[in-house]
Protein backbone atom coordinates (compact mmCIF):
# COMPACT_ATOMS: atom_id res chain seq x y z
CA MET A 1 -146.00 -25.48 137.11
CA LEU A 2 -142.52 -24.12 136.56
CA GLU A 3 -139.78 -26.46 135.50
CA VAL A 4 -135.98 -26.44 135.24
CA GLY A 5 -134.99 -25.37 131.77
CA LYS A 6 -138.02 -23.22 131.13
CA LYS A 7 -137.93 -19.41 130.97
CA ALA A 8 -138.46 -17.75 134.29
CA PRO A 9 -141.63 -15.58 134.33
CA ALA A 10 -140.98 -11.93 133.87
CA PHE A 11 -141.87 -9.44 136.57
CA LYS A 12 -141.61 -5.84 137.54
CA LEU A 13 -142.05 -5.10 141.26
CA PRO A 14 -141.09 -2.27 143.60
CA ASP A 15 -138.09 -2.50 145.86
CA ALA A 16 -137.87 -1.12 149.40
CA SER A 17 -137.50 2.47 148.03
CA GLY A 18 -140.41 2.09 145.60
CA LYS A 19 -138.17 1.76 142.45
CA LYS A 20 -139.50 -0.80 139.95
CA ILE A 21 -137.18 -3.70 139.36
CA SER A 22 -137.56 -6.25 136.50
CA LEU A 23 -136.03 -9.68 136.08
CA SER A 24 -134.76 -8.49 132.69
CA ASP A 25 -132.60 -5.89 134.60
CA PHE A 26 -130.27 -8.76 135.49
CA LYS A 27 -129.86 -10.41 132.00
CA GLY A 28 -126.37 -11.78 131.76
CA LYS A 29 -126.12 -12.49 135.51
CA LYS A 30 -127.20 -15.45 137.50
CA VAL A 31 -130.12 -14.68 139.87
CA VAL A 32 -131.10 -16.23 143.16
CA LEU A 33 -134.80 -15.36 143.51
CA TYR A 34 -136.09 -16.48 146.86
CA PHE A 35 -139.61 -16.18 148.07
CA TYR A 36 -140.28 -15.96 151.79
CA PRO A 37 -143.40 -15.51 153.98
CA LYS A 38 -142.84 -12.41 156.08
CA ASP A 39 -140.33 -9.77 157.12
CA MET A 40 -139.32 -9.66 160.77
CA THR A 41 -140.20 -13.28 161.54
CA SER A 42 -137.65 -15.72 162.92
CA GLY A 43 -137.26 -18.04 159.96
CA CYS A 44 -137.36 -15.23 157.34
CA THR A 45 -134.87 -13.16 159.36
CA GLN A 46 -132.50 -16.12 159.61
CA GLU A 47 -132.72 -16.79 155.85
CA ALA A 48 -132.11 -13.09 155.06
CA CYS A 49 -129.15 -12.95 157.38
CA ASP A 50 -127.70 -16.10 155.96
CA PHE A 51 -127.90 -14.60 152.45
CA ARG A 52 -126.41 -11.34 153.85
CA ASP A 53 -123.52 -13.27 155.49
CA SER A 54 -122.82 -15.15 152.25
CA PHE A 55 -123.34 -12.09 150.01
CA PRO A 56 -119.60 -11.77 149.16
CA ASP A 57 -119.57 -15.40 147.94
CA PHE A 58 -122.58 -14.69 145.66
CA SER A 59 -120.91 -11.42 144.37
CA LYS A 60 -117.73 -13.35 143.49
CA LEU A 61 -119.88 -15.74 141.48
CA LYS A 62 -121.51 -12.80 139.65
CA THR A 63 -124.87 -13.81 141.17
CA VAL A 64 -127.61 -11.41 142.23
CA VAL A 65 -129.77 -12.26 145.28
CA ILE A 66 -133.39 -11.03 145.31
CA GLY A 67 -135.94 -11.70 148.06
CA VAL A 68 -139.66 -11.48 147.34
CA SER A 69 -142.61 -11.44 149.78
CA ALA A 70 -146.11 -9.91 149.90
CA ASP A 71 -144.93 -7.33 152.57
CA SER A 72 -145.04 -3.60 151.74
CA ALA A 73 -142.02 -1.65 150.46
CA SER A 74 -141.97 0.30 153.74
CA LEU A 75 -141.71 -2.89 155.81
CA HIS A 76 -138.99 -4.12 153.46
CA GLN A 77 -137.14 -0.78 154.07
CA LYS A 78 -137.26 -1.41 157.82
CA PHE A 79 -136.24 -5.05 157.46
CA THR A 80 -133.33 -4.12 155.20
CA GLU A 81 -132.14 -1.37 157.58
CA LYS A 82 -132.52 -3.40 160.77
CA TYR A 83 -130.41 -6.32 159.42
CA SER A 84 -128.11 -4.43 156.99
CA LEU A 85 -129.27 -6.49 154.00
CA PRO A 86 -127.06 -5.78 150.93
CA PHE A 87 -129.49 -7.18 148.43
CA VAL A 88 -132.86 -6.18 146.97
CA LEU A 89 -136.17 -7.13 148.55
CA LEU A 90 -139.23 -6.78 146.26
CA SER A 91 -142.77 -6.21 147.34
CA ASP A 92 -145.58 -8.28 145.67
CA GLU A 93 -148.64 -7.03 147.63
CA SER A 94 -150.94 -8.00 144.64
CA LYS A 95 -149.50 -11.54 144.79
CA GLU A 96 -149.36 -11.62 140.99
CA VAL A 97 -145.74 -12.74 140.86
CA LEU A 98 -146.11 -15.10 143.76
CA GLU A 99 -148.89 -16.82 141.78
CA LYS A 100 -146.79 -16.79 138.52
CA TYR A 101 -144.09 -18.62 140.36
CA GLY A 102 -146.48 -21.02 142.08
CA VAL A 103 -145.45 -20.11 145.64
CA TRP A 104 -148.75 -18.64 146.83
CA LYS A 105 -150.40 -21.82 148.31
CA GLU A 106 -152.82 -23.10 150.82
CA LYS A 107 -151.03 -23.71 154.04
CA SER A 108 -152.13 -25.25 157.33
CA MET A 109 -151.14 -24.41 160.94
CA TYR A 110 -152.75 -25.93 164.04
CA GLY A 111 -155.49 -27.35 161.76
CA ARG A 112 -156.34 -23.98 160.33
CA LYS A 113 -156.01 -23.46 156.60
CA TYR A 114 -154.92 -20.22 155.10
CA MET A 115 -153.20 -18.80 152.01
CA GLY A 116 -149.50 -17.96 152.26
CA ILE A 117 -146.10 -18.13 150.69
CA GLU A 118 -144.41 -21.43 150.51
CA ARG A 119 -140.67 -20.75 151.11
CA THR A 120 -139.12 -21.41 147.65
CA THR A 121 -135.91 -20.48 145.90
CA PHE A 122 -135.23 -20.34 142.13
CA VAL A 123 -131.81 -20.12 140.62
CA ILE A 124 -132.14 -18.36 137.20
CA ASP A 125 -129.25 -18.56 134.71
CA GLU A 126 -127.74 -15.68 132.69
CA ASP A 127 -130.34 -16.29 129.88
CA GLY A 128 -133.39 -16.04 132.11
CA LYS A 129 -133.91 -19.82 132.33
CA ILE A 130 -134.68 -21.65 135.52
CA GLN A 131 -131.59 -23.64 136.49
CA ASN A 132 -132.78 -24.99 139.82
CA ILE A 133 -135.85 -24.97 141.99
CA PHE A 134 -135.72 -25.49 145.75
CA PRO A 135 -139.39 -26.01 147.00
CA LYS A 136 -140.48 -26.05 150.67
CA VAL A 137 -137.06 -24.69 151.78
CA LYS A 138 -135.71 -25.44 155.29
CA VAL A 139 -133.74 -22.42 156.26
CA ALA A 140 -130.80 -24.18 158.02
CA GLY A 141 -128.12 -24.92 155.44
CA HIS A 142 -130.12 -23.59 152.49
CA VAL A 143 -127.76 -20.79 151.48
CA GLU A 144 -124.77 -23.16 151.53
CA GLU A 145 -126.76 -25.62 149.36
CA ILE A 146 -127.44 -22.79 146.79
CA LEU A 147 -123.78 -21.78 146.65
CA LYS A 148 -122.76 -25.44 145.99
CA VAL A 149 -125.22 -25.60 143.12
CA ILE A 150 -123.98 -22.34 141.62
CA LYS A 151 -120.36 -23.39 141.96
CA GLY A 152 -121.32 -26.70 140.27
CA LYS A 153 -120.20 -28.90 143.21
């Protein structure tokens, strides 16, 4: 179980263009690492668009936004283009990073159990330590909540 104050697990995953991105690439910057279930679905699209619309605020705060799901890099490319997303989406088809961060969980819908991503956001400080964890995220108001935390309000 990951905890606030602990080092965030390292990773290296492909972005929408297939380029490998590591958490260590962002040392010295604050990182909002958000895990979401699926590209092109209503809640995930809303969350991505909320991050997009607030992207200038994150930039002013020298904060990088990274989205991660188990979708393929090619689907991330379509999602990024369709919604003009200005931040990186990483593909974790092996689910290795999803498991490291504890977001690959058993879920239940209409009485049916299945494995999936629990919508979770981590704020990682400039030294690579976990500053905040937002489990079981509700999309509405989430981006504003993160901005308040980063601003220290």
